[in-house]
Amino acid sequence: METQLESYSTHPAKAVCGEITVPGDKSISHRSIMLGSISRGVTTVTGFLRGEDNMATLNAFRAMGVEIEDDGTTLKIHGRGLHGLSEPEDMLDCGNSGTSIRLLTGLLAGQTFFAVLTGDKYLRKRPMRRVVTPLAAMGATIAGRAGGEKAPLAITGSSLKGISYESPVSSAQVKSAVLLAGLYAEGETKVTEPHLSRDHSERMLRHFGADIEAEGRVVRIRGGRELNGQAIAVPGDISSAAFFMVAGLIVPDSEILIKGVGVNPTRTGILDILRLMGGDISLLNSRDVSGEPVADILVRSSRLKGIEISGDLVPRAIDEFPVISVAAAAAEGKTVISDARELRVKETDRIKAMADNLRLAGVTVDEADDGMTVYGANGFKAFTADSQGDHRIAMSMMIASLLADGECTVHDTGCIATSFPTFLELFKQVSVR
């Protein structure tokens, strides 16, 4: 499932205005398929993100014998219980999805069959030992290229035992892989993180009836308990909303309302960062949906100022840093981003990719091992950018183009479909030329 290469040319905008709904949360969509498939009974999912990443997860579970009906609005997952999956006949292709491959590695480690996980050329370069190491400590049998560091990963289902794992990185993918393996492990599995990463897995596991406790940076799960199918309503993805939040802040005379967005506190670092920069952002109509907090987000154009971003804020906004760097480039003064080394092992090296692309737009950027310093500019010069196959780099540079002094081109935009298939449509809808 290699992503098709495309280019997109755009012109600056006079304003960004309107009311939009962004697609369903990618993280929650992945987990709804996984937990629905290994539960007893039927799980219904509305608001599911039909991006390429999530469809890779859906297709993997169909390949393991799970019946998933899709009428275009609602998914109906006929769960097979904790031990009901079947051995796939072929390799499971995770496409570009790090969430699919890492969480599936944890889930498959405790099965009774053999499976191989692979992905596209970008995914096959990403580090996998971060999940292989704790799973091996639980008794998993996993082989991969470069000593288990790179996909394809071959997993031979094994009997697992619970462990107490101190994760060296704050990563929801690592934590979730260990927790999913913990469903199949004997005894208790405990994960401790340096900083709390997004907690969608913990919330959804609790919603499905798992024996799980979370307190601060520590999560415990006890194996062996069957899960029961649920109704899941997936809220809008705050990582997708972030692009239009930044557009509304940096383009003068703008006002945009983004409806029904998930505002899980482990994901709202983007709101805190943009408000610290002076952004005018309001949350309206706050409510709770399927165990997740949801609100409408109102954004008005603002004079942003540079700030320092580090520590606990970073894992709560890790996917939003490409577009945060665009906000920083449009702000007054300098913004210093640190403690964000995790950005170097995403779909691409996002520190280098954004530094390179912002420089093409006339912005001064200093790279550090764990972040960057961005010196705010007065708008951007017209540029030709390269996403390097990373959907968030592509969309971030599209947002930057709204403030440029002429026509801009972003190469390799086909990757946007992995997470936000309606992005270009909404981008054109809200841009006032």
Protein backbone atom coordinates (compact mmCIF):
# COMPACT_ATOMS: atom_id res chain seq x y z
CA MET A 1 0.00 0.00 0.00
CA GLU A 2 2.59 2.59 -1.13
CA THR A 3 1.27 6.18 -0.99
CA GLN A 4 0.70 7.89 -4.34
CA LEU A 5 2.88 10.98 -4.89
CA GLU A 6 1.04 14.20 -5.67
CA SER A 7 1.79 17.93 -5.60
CA TYR A 8 -0.49 20.79 -4.61
CA SER A 9 -0.14 24.50 -5.38
CA THR A 10 -1.82 27.16 -3.26
CA HIS A 11 -2.10 30.94 -2.90
CA PRO A 12 -2.09 33.12 0.23
CA ALA A 13 -5.40 33.77 2.01
CA LYS A 14 -6.97 37.06 3.17
CA ALA A 15 -8.68 35.23 6.03
CA VAL A 16 -9.68 31.79 7.29
CA CYS A 17 -13.35 31.64 8.21
CA GLY A 18 -16.20 29.19 8.65
CA GLU A 19 -17.52 26.24 10.61
CA ILE A 20 -16.03 22.80 9.99
CA THR A 21 -16.03 19.25 11.32
CA VAL A 22 -12.77 17.33 11.20
CA PRO A 23 -12.63 13.54 10.72
CA GLY A 24 -12.76 11.12 13.64
CA ASP A 25 -9.82 10.71 15.98
CA LYS A 26 -7.20 8.43 14.44
CA SER A 27 -5.98 6.96 17.74
CA ILE A 28 -9.50 6.14 18.96
CA SER A 29 -10.50 4.72 15.57
CA HIS A 30 -7.55 2.26 15.64
CA ARG A 31 -8.39 1.13 19.15
CA SER A 32 -12.12 0.72 18.47
CA ILE A 33 -11.31 -1.88 15.77
CA MET A 34 -8.76 -3.71 17.91
CA LEU A 35 -10.83 -3.95 21.09
CA GLY A 36 -14.10 -4.55 19.24
CA SER A 37 -12.50 -7.48 17.41
CA ILE A 38 -11.29 -9.23 20.58
CA SER A 39 -14.49 -8.60 22.55
CA ARG A 40 -17.56 -10.78 22.90
CA GLY A 41 -20.63 -9.56 21.02
CA VAL A 42 -21.08 -6.65 18.62
CA THR A 43 -19.29 -3.29 18.78
CA THR A 44 -20.74 -0.39 16.77
CA VAL A 45 -18.49 2.51 15.81
CA THR A 46 -19.69 5.89 14.49
CA GLY A 47 -17.35 8.70 13.44
CA PHE A 48 -14.66 6.18 12.39
CA LEU A 49 -11.79 7.77 10.46
CA ARG A 50 -11.60 6.11 7.06
CA GLY A 51 -8.01 7.19 6.46
CA GLU A 52 -5.45 4.76 5.07
CA ASP A 53 -3.87 4.13 8.49
CA ASN A 54 -7.13 3.08 10.12
CA MET A 55 -8.20 1.01 7.11
CA ALA A 56 -4.91 -0.89 7.45
CA THR A 57 -5.96 -1.87 10.99
CA LEU A 58 -9.48 -2.78 9.84
CA ASN A 59 -8.16 -4.95 7.00
CA ALA A 60 -5.71 -6.71 9.34
CA PHE A 61 -8.55 -7.87 11.59
CA ARG A 62 -10.66 -8.94 8.63
CA ALA A 63 -7.65 -11.03 7.58
CA MET A 64 -7.77 -12.67 11.03
CA GLY A 65 -11.37 -13.75 10.61
CA VAL A 66 -13.28 -10.82 12.11
CA GLU A 67 -16.51 -9.84 10.33
CA ILE A 68 -16.68 -6.03 10.06
CA GLU A 69 -19.70 -4.50 8.33
CA ASP A 70 -19.36 -0.94 7.01
CA ASP A 71 -22.34 0.98 5.57
CA GLY A 72 -20.32 4.19 5.20
CA THR A 73 -21.69 5.64 8.45
CA THR A 74 -21.44 2.91 11.07
CA LEU A 75 -19.04 0.02 11.54
CA LYS A 76 -20.47 -3.15 13.04
CA ILE A 77 -17.69 -5.36 14.43
CA HIS A 78 -18.66 -8.94 15.24
CA GLY A 79 -16.19 -9.62 18.04
CA ARG A 80 -14.59 -13.05 18.37
CA GLY A 81 -13.56 -12.81 22.01
CA LEU A 82 -10.11 -12.66 23.54
CA HIS A 83 -8.94 -15.93 21.95
CA GLY A 84 -11.05 -16.06 18.77
CA LEU A 85 -8.74 -14.56 16.11
CA SER A 86 -7.54 -16.83 13.27
CA GLU A 87 -4.07 -17.13 11.79
CA PRO A 88 -3.81 -14.84 8.74
CA GLU A 89 -2.95 -16.49 5.41
CA ASP A 90 -0.69 -13.65 4.30
CA MET A 91 1.45 -10.89 5.78
CA LEU A 92 -0.56 -8.11 7.47
CA ASP A 93 0.20 -4.82 5.68
CA CYS A 94 0.16 -1.87 8.08
CA GLY A 95 0.83 0.67 5.32
CA ASN A 96 2.28 3.84 6.86
CA SER A 97 0.73 3.27 10.29
CA GLY A 98 3.06 3.11 13.28
CA THR A 99 0.04 2.67 15.56
CA SER A 100 -1.16 -0.38 13.60
CA ILE A 101 2.17 -2.19 13.61
CA ARG A 102 3.18 -1.45 17.21
CA LEU A 103 -0.19 -2.14 18.83
CA LEU A 104 -0.75 -5.24 16.71
CA THR A 105 2.67 -6.54 17.77
CA GLY A 106 1.49 -6.42 21.38
CA LEU A 107 -1.90 -7.94 20.63
CA LEU A 108 -0.49 -10.74 18.47
CA ALA A 109 2.25 -11.66 20.96
CA GLY A 110 -0.24 -13.57 23.11
CA GLN A 111 -2.10 -15.44 20.35
CA THR A 112 -1.75 -19.13 19.50
CA PHE A 113 -0.65 -18.57 15.90
CA PHE A 114 2.04 -17.10 13.64
CA ALA A 115 1.73 -13.68 11.93
CA VAL A 116 3.98 -11.30 10.02
CA LEU A 117 3.55 -7.52 10.10
CA THR A 118 4.97 -5.26 7.40
CA GLY A 119 4.34 -1.80 5.95
CA ASP A 120 5.38 0.73 3.34
CA LYS A 121 8.97 1.90 2.79
CA TYR A 122 8.63 4.61 5.45
CA LEU A 123 7.22 2.29 8.13
CA ARG A 124 9.92 -0.29 7.43
CA LYS A 125 12.51 2.31 8.52
CA ARG A 126 10.90 3.10 11.88
CA PRO A 127 12.18 1.74 15.23
CA MET A 128 10.35 -1.33 16.54
CA ARG A 129 12.68 -2.55 19.28
CA ARG A 130 10.97 -0.14 21.69
CA VAL A 131 7.96 -2.51 21.66
CA VAL A 132 9.84 -5.76 20.94
CA THR A 133 12.03 -5.38 24.08
CA PRO A 134 9.24 -5.23 26.71
CA LEU A 135 7.18 -7.85 24.87
CA ALA A 136 10.16 -10.22 24.80
CA ALA A 137 10.48 -9.72 28.56
CA MET A 138 6.86 -10.96 28.82
CA GLY A 139 7.81 -14.12 26.89
CA ALA A 140 6.95 -13.03 23.34
CA THR A 141 8.71 -14.58 20.35
CA ILE A 142 9.32 -11.82 17.79
CA ALA A 143 11.89 -11.67 14.98
CA GLY A 144 12.56 -8.71 12.70
CA ARG A 145 15.16 -7.07 10.51
CA ALA A 146 18.16 -5.49 12.24
CA GLY A 147 17.72 -7.70 15.32
CA GLY A 148 14.06 -6.84 15.78
CA GLU A 149 14.57 -3.12 15.22
CA LYS A 150 12.79 -2.93 11.86
CA ALA A 151 9.79 -4.45 10.10
CA PRO A 152 8.79 -6.90 8.78
CA LEU A 153 8.19 -8.44 12.22
CA ALA A 154 7.44 -12.16 12.50
CA ILE A 155 5.46 -13.00 15.65
CA THR A 156 4.98 -16.52 16.97
CA GLY A 157 2.18 -16.45 19.55
CA SER A 158 3.42 -17.42 23.03
CA SER A 159 2.32 -17.78 26.65
CA LEU A 160 2.98 -14.42 28.28
CA LYS A 161 3.61 -13.39 31.88
CA GLY A 162 2.95 -9.99 33.40
CA ILE A 163 5.92 -7.66 33.99
CA SER A 164 6.61 -4.29 35.57
CA TYR A 165 8.00 -2.12 32.77
CA GLU A 166 9.68 1.27 33.16
CA SER A 167 9.42 2.74 29.68
CA PRO A 168 12.40 4.93 28.70
CA VAL A 169 10.12 6.96 26.39
CA SER A 170 6.70 8.53 26.85
CA SER A 171 4.95 6.77 23.99
CA ALA A 172 1.30 5.77 23.84
CA GLN A 173 2.21 3.17 21.21
CA VAL A 174 4.73 1.46 23.49
CA LYS A 175 2.40 1.64 26.50
CA SER A 176 -0.57 0.35 24.48
CA ALA A 177 1.39 -2.55 22.96
CA VAL A 178 2.38 -3.74 26.44
CA LEU A 179 -1.18 -3.27 27.81
CA LEU A 180 -2.70 -5.26 24.90
CA ALA A 181 -0.19 -8.05 25.54
CA GLY A 182 -1.15 -7.76 29.19
CA LEU A 183 -4.72 -8.81 28.32
CA TYR A 184 -3.24 -12.23 27.45
CA ALA A 185 -0.57 -12.40 30.16
CA GLU A 186 -0.64 -14.32 33.41
CA GLY A 187 -0.90 -11.97 36.39
CA GLU A 188 -0.49 -8.20 36.44
CA THR A 189 1.29 -6.06 33.85
CA LYS A 190 2.43 -2.62 34.97
CA VAL A 191 3.75 0.21 32.76
CA THR A 192 5.41 3.38 34.12
CA GLU A 193 6.26 6.31 31.80
CA PRO A 194 8.59 9.32 32.26
CA HIS A 195 5.65 11.62 31.39
CA LEU A 196 2.02 10.63 30.85
CA SER A 197 1.36 9.94 27.14
CA ARG A 198 -2.12 9.89 25.60
CA ASP A 199 -4.44 7.56 27.51
CA HIS A 200 -6.99 6.48 24.89
CA SER A 201 -6.06 2.81 25.37
CA GLU A 202 -6.63 2.94 29.13
CA ARG A 203 -9.98 4.72 28.72
CA MET A 204 -11.23 2.35 26.03
CA LEU A 205 -10.00 -0.80 27.79
CA ARG A 206 -11.94 0.35 30.86
CA HIS A 207 -15.00 1.06 28.65
CA PHE A 208 -14.83 -2.53 27.29
CA GLY A 209 -14.57 -3.99 30.81
CA ALA A 210 -10.84 -4.76 31.20
CA ASP A 211 -9.36 -5.13 34.68
CA ILE A 212 -7.29 -1.95 34.50
CA GLU A 213 -6.21 0.86 36.84
CA ALA A 214 -4.43 4.08 35.92
CA GLU A 215 -2.88 6.53 38.34
CA GLY A 216 -0.57 9.30 37.19
CA ARG A 217 2.24 7.83 35.07
CA VAL A 218 1.44 4.23 36.10
CA VAL A 219 -1.03 1.80 34.49
CA ARG A 220 -1.80 -1.73 35.69
CA ILE A 221 -3.77 -4.37 33.80
CA ARG A 222 -4.59 -7.95 34.83
CA GLY A 223 -4.85 -10.60 32.14
CA GLY A 224 -7.54 -13.13 31.35
CA ARG A 225 -10.71 -11.06 31.63
CA GLU A 226 -13.00 -11.16 28.57
CA LEU A 227 -14.06 -7.84 27.03
CA ASN A 228 -17.63 -7.05 25.96
CA GLY A 229 -18.71 -5.19 22.80
CA GLN A 230 -19.65 -1.52 23.17
CA ALA A 231 -21.07 1.40 21.20
CA ILE A 232 -18.26 3.83 20.36
CA ALA A 233 -18.78 7.36 19.04
CA VAL A 234 -15.40 8.62 17.81
CA PRO A 235 -14.90 12.38 18.38
CA GLY A 236 -13.11 14.69 15.94
CA ASP A 237 -9.31 14.37 15.99
CA ILE A 238 -7.59 17.27 17.80
CA SER A 239 -4.43 16.53 15.78
CA SER A 240 -6.42 17.25 12.61
CA ALA A 241 -8.16 20.27 14.18
CA ALA A 242 -4.71 21.67 15.08
CA PHE A 243 -3.96 22.61 11.46
CA PHE A 244 -7.07 24.80 11.23
CA MET A 245 -6.54 26.18 14.74
CA VAL A 246 -3.12 27.47 13.68
CA ALA A 247 -4.53 28.76 10.36
CA GLY A 248 -7.20 30.70 12.25
CA LEU A 249 -4.63 32.21 14.61
CA ILE A 250 -1.93 33.27 12.12
CA VAL A 251 -4.02 34.58 9.19
CA PRO A 252 -5.41 38.07 9.98
CA ASP A 253 -9.18 38.70 10.25
CA SER A 254 -9.93 35.00 10.79
CA GLU A 255 -12.53 33.17 12.87
CA ILE A 256 -13.15 29.45 12.65
CA LEU A 257 -15.35 27.04 14.64
CA ILE A 258 -14.29 23.37 14.70
CA LYS A 259 -17.14 21.22 15.97
CA GLY A 260 -17.11 18.01 18.05
CA VAL A 261 -13.39 17.70 18.77
CA GLY A 262 -11.93 15.29 21.36
CA VAL A 263 -10.28 17.27 24.14
CA ASN A 264 -8.77 14.43 26.18
CA PRO A 265 -6.39 16.12 28.68
CA THR A 266 -3.49 13.92 27.51
CA ARG A 267 -3.96 15.44 24.02
CA THR A 268 -4.64 19.13 24.77
CA GLY A 269 -1.01 20.25 24.92
CA ILE A 270 -1.72 21.99 21.58
CA LEU A 271 -4.39 24.14 23.26
CA ASP A 272 -2.09 25.01 26.17
CA ILE A 273 0.83 25.86 23.86
CA LEU A 274 -1.19 28.06 21.51
CA ARG A 275 -2.82 29.86 24.45
CA LEU A 276 0.61 30.45 26.05
CA MET A 277 1.61 32.01 22.71
CA GLY A 278 -1.35 34.40 23.04
CA GLY A 279 -3.88 32.52 20.94
CA ASP A 280 -7.59 33.39 21.30
CA ILE A 281 -9.11 29.90 21.69
CA SER A 282 -12.41 29.06 23.41
CA LEU A 283 -13.98 25.67 24.19
CA LEU A 284 -17.76 25.61 23.77
CA ASN A 285 -20.46 22.98 24.41
CA SER A 286 -18.23 20.65 26.46
CA ARG A 287 -19.59 17.11 26.89
CA ASP A 288 -18.57 13.47 27.42
CA VAL A 289 -18.85 10.87 24.61
CA SER A 290 -17.95 7.16 24.99
CA GLY A 291 -15.66 7.93 27.92
CA GLU A 292 -13.86 10.79 26.12
CA PRO A 293 -14.30 14.57 26.69
CA VAL A 294 -15.49 16.51 23.60
CA ALA A 295 -16.00 20.23 22.81
CA ASP A 296 -16.39 22.73 19.97
CA ILE A 297 -13.25 24.87 19.47
CA LEU A 298 -13.59 28.55 18.48
CA VAL A 299 -10.41 30.24 17.20
CA ARG A 300 -9.87 33.92 16.32
CA SER A 301 -6.78 35.47 14.70
CA SER A 302 -4.23 36.61 17.29
CA ARG A 303 -0.81 38.21 17.64
CA LEU A 304 1.27 35.24 18.74
CA LYS A 305 4.51 35.53 20.71
CA GLY A 306 7.42 33.11 21.00
CA ILE A 307 7.63 30.86 24.08
CA GLU A 308 9.66 27.96 25.50
CA ILE A 309 8.07 24.49 25.14
CA SER A 310 9.47 21.53 27.11
CA GLY A 311 8.76 18.89 29.76
CA ASP A 312 5.26 17.49 30.34
CA LEU A 313 3.78 19.65 27.55
CA VAL A 314 5.70 17.75 24.88
CA PRO A 315 4.07 14.26 24.97
CA ARG A 316 0.65 15.96 25.20
CA ALA A 317 1.28 17.63 21.82
CA ILE A 318 3.80 15.31 20.16
CA ASP A 319 1.90 14.93 16.85
CA GLU A 320 1.17 18.65 16.59
CA PHE A 321 4.75 19.95 16.63
CA PRO A 322 5.05 20.32 12.84
CA VAL A 323 2.16 22.82 12.81
CA ILE A 324 3.25 24.33 16.16
CA SER A 325 6.54 25.20 14.42
CA VAL A 326 4.51 27.04 11.75
CA ALA A 327 2.75 29.02 14.51
CA ALA A 328 6.19 29.74 16.00
CA ALA A 329 7.45 30.96 12.64
CA ALA A 330 4.50 33.40 12.45
CA ALA A 331 4.94 34.63 16.05
CA GLU A 332 6.92 37.58 17.40
CA GLY A 333 10.28 36.61 18.90
CA LYS A 334 11.76 33.16 19.18
CA THR A 335 10.21 29.84 20.21
CA VAL A 336 12.43 27.18 21.79
CA ILE A 337 11.22 23.57 21.56
CA SER A 338 13.12 20.97 23.63
CA ASP A 339 12.60 17.50 25.17
CA ALA A 340 11.08 16.47 21.82
CA ARG A 341 13.63 13.97 20.51
CA GLU A 342 10.72 11.58 19.80
CA LEU A 343 9.98 13.75 16.75
CA ARG A 344 13.07 12.33 15.04
CA VAL A 345 11.52 8.82 14.81
CA LYS A 346 8.05 9.65 13.49
CA GLU A 347 6.96 9.08 9.86
CA THR A 348 10.08 11.07 9.08
CA ASP A 349 12.57 13.06 11.17
CA ARG A 350 10.07 15.83 11.86
CA ILE A 351 12.62 18.18 13.44
CA LYS A 352 14.82 18.14 10.35
CA ALA A 353 11.91 18.07 7.89
CA MET A 354 10.22 21.15 9.40
CA ALA A 355 13.51 23.01 9.84
CA ASP A 356 14.40 22.39 6.18
CA ASN A 357 10.96 23.39 4.90
CA LEU A 358 10.61 26.51 7.08
CA ARG A 359 14.02 27.68 5.87
CA LEU A 360 12.68 27.44 2.31
CA ALA A 361 9.96 29.88 3.45
CA GLY A 362 12.59 32.35 4.67
CA VAL A 363 12.41 31.43 8.36
CA THR A 364 15.55 31.15 10.53
CA VAL A 365 15.59 27.83 12.41
CA ASP A 366 18.31 26.34 14.64
CA GLU A 367 18.13 22.56 15.04
CA ALA A 368 18.95 20.80 18.32
CA ASP A 369 19.13 17.07 18.99
CA ASP A 370 15.85 17.21 20.93
CA GLY A 371 14.07 20.12 19.24
CA MET A 372 14.56 23.45 17.52
CA THR A 373 14.60 27.20 17.95
CA VAL A 374 12.31 29.04 15.52
CA TYR A 375 12.80 32.78 14.99
CA GLY A 376 9.47 34.42 14.17
CA ALA A 377 9.18 36.05 10.77
CA ASN A 378 6.84 38.62 9.25
CA GLY A 379 4.99 36.23 6.98
CA PHE A 380 6.69 33.75 4.68
CA LYS A 381 8.25 34.05 1.25
CA ALA A 382 6.75 31.87 -1.48
CA PHE A 383 8.21 28.37 -1.30
CA THR A 384 8.27 24.90 -2.79
CA ALA A 385 8.21 22.34 0.03
CA ASP A 386 8.66 18.57 0.22
CA SER A 387 6.61 16.55 2.72
CA GLN A 388 9.12 13.66 2.64
CA GLY A 389 6.12 11.33 2.67
CA ASP A 390 4.87 12.62 6.05
CA HIS A 391 1.21 13.68 6.19
CA ARG A 392 1.74 16.15 9.05
CA ILE A 393 4.66 17.87 7.28
CA ALA A 394 2.53 18.18 4.12
CA MET A 395 -0.44 19.73 5.95
CA SER A 396 1.74 22.02 8.07
CA MET A 397 3.40 23.53 4.99
CA MET A 398 -0.03 23.92 3.37
CA ILE A 399 -1.06 26.01 6.41
CA ALA A 400 2.17 28.04 6.16
CA SER A 401 1.36 28.78 2.50
CA LEU A 402 -1.72 30.77 3.61
CA LEU A 403 0.63 33.45 4.99
CA ALA A 404 3.15 33.44 2.13
CA ASP A 405 3.80 36.34 -0.26
CA GLY A 406 2.98 34.35 -3.38
CA GLU A 407 2.06 30.98 -4.85
CA CYS A 408 3.50 27.97 -3.03
CA THR A 409 3.80 24.29 -3.96
CA VAL A 410 3.93 21.31 -1.61
CA HIS A 411 5.26 18.07 -3.14
CA ASP A 412 4.19 14.56 -2.09
CA THR A 413 0.77 15.43 -0.66
CA GLY A 414 -0.77 12.02 -1.38
CA CYS A 415 0.31 10.98 2.13
CA ILE A 416 -2.33 13.32 3.63
CA ALA A 417 -4.89 10.58 3.00
CA THR A 418 -3.30 8.46 5.75
CA SER A 419 -4.93 10.60 8.46
CA PHE A 420 -7.08 13.39 6.96
CA PRO A 421 -8.72 12.46 3.64
CA THR A 422 -10.93 15.60 3.63
CA PHE A 423 -8.10 18.06 4.41
CA LEU A 424 -7.78 19.66 0.97
CA GLU A 425 -11.55 20.05 0.68
CA LEU A 426 -11.76 21.83 4.07
CA PHE A 427 -8.60 23.84 3.30
CA LYS A 428 -10.26 25.28 0.18
CA GLN A 429 -13.59 25.74 1.98
CA VAL A 430 -12.25 28.00 4.78
CA SER A 431 -9.60 29.96 2.84
CA VAL A 432 -10.88 33.41 1.83
CA ARG A 433 -8.89 34.53 -1.23
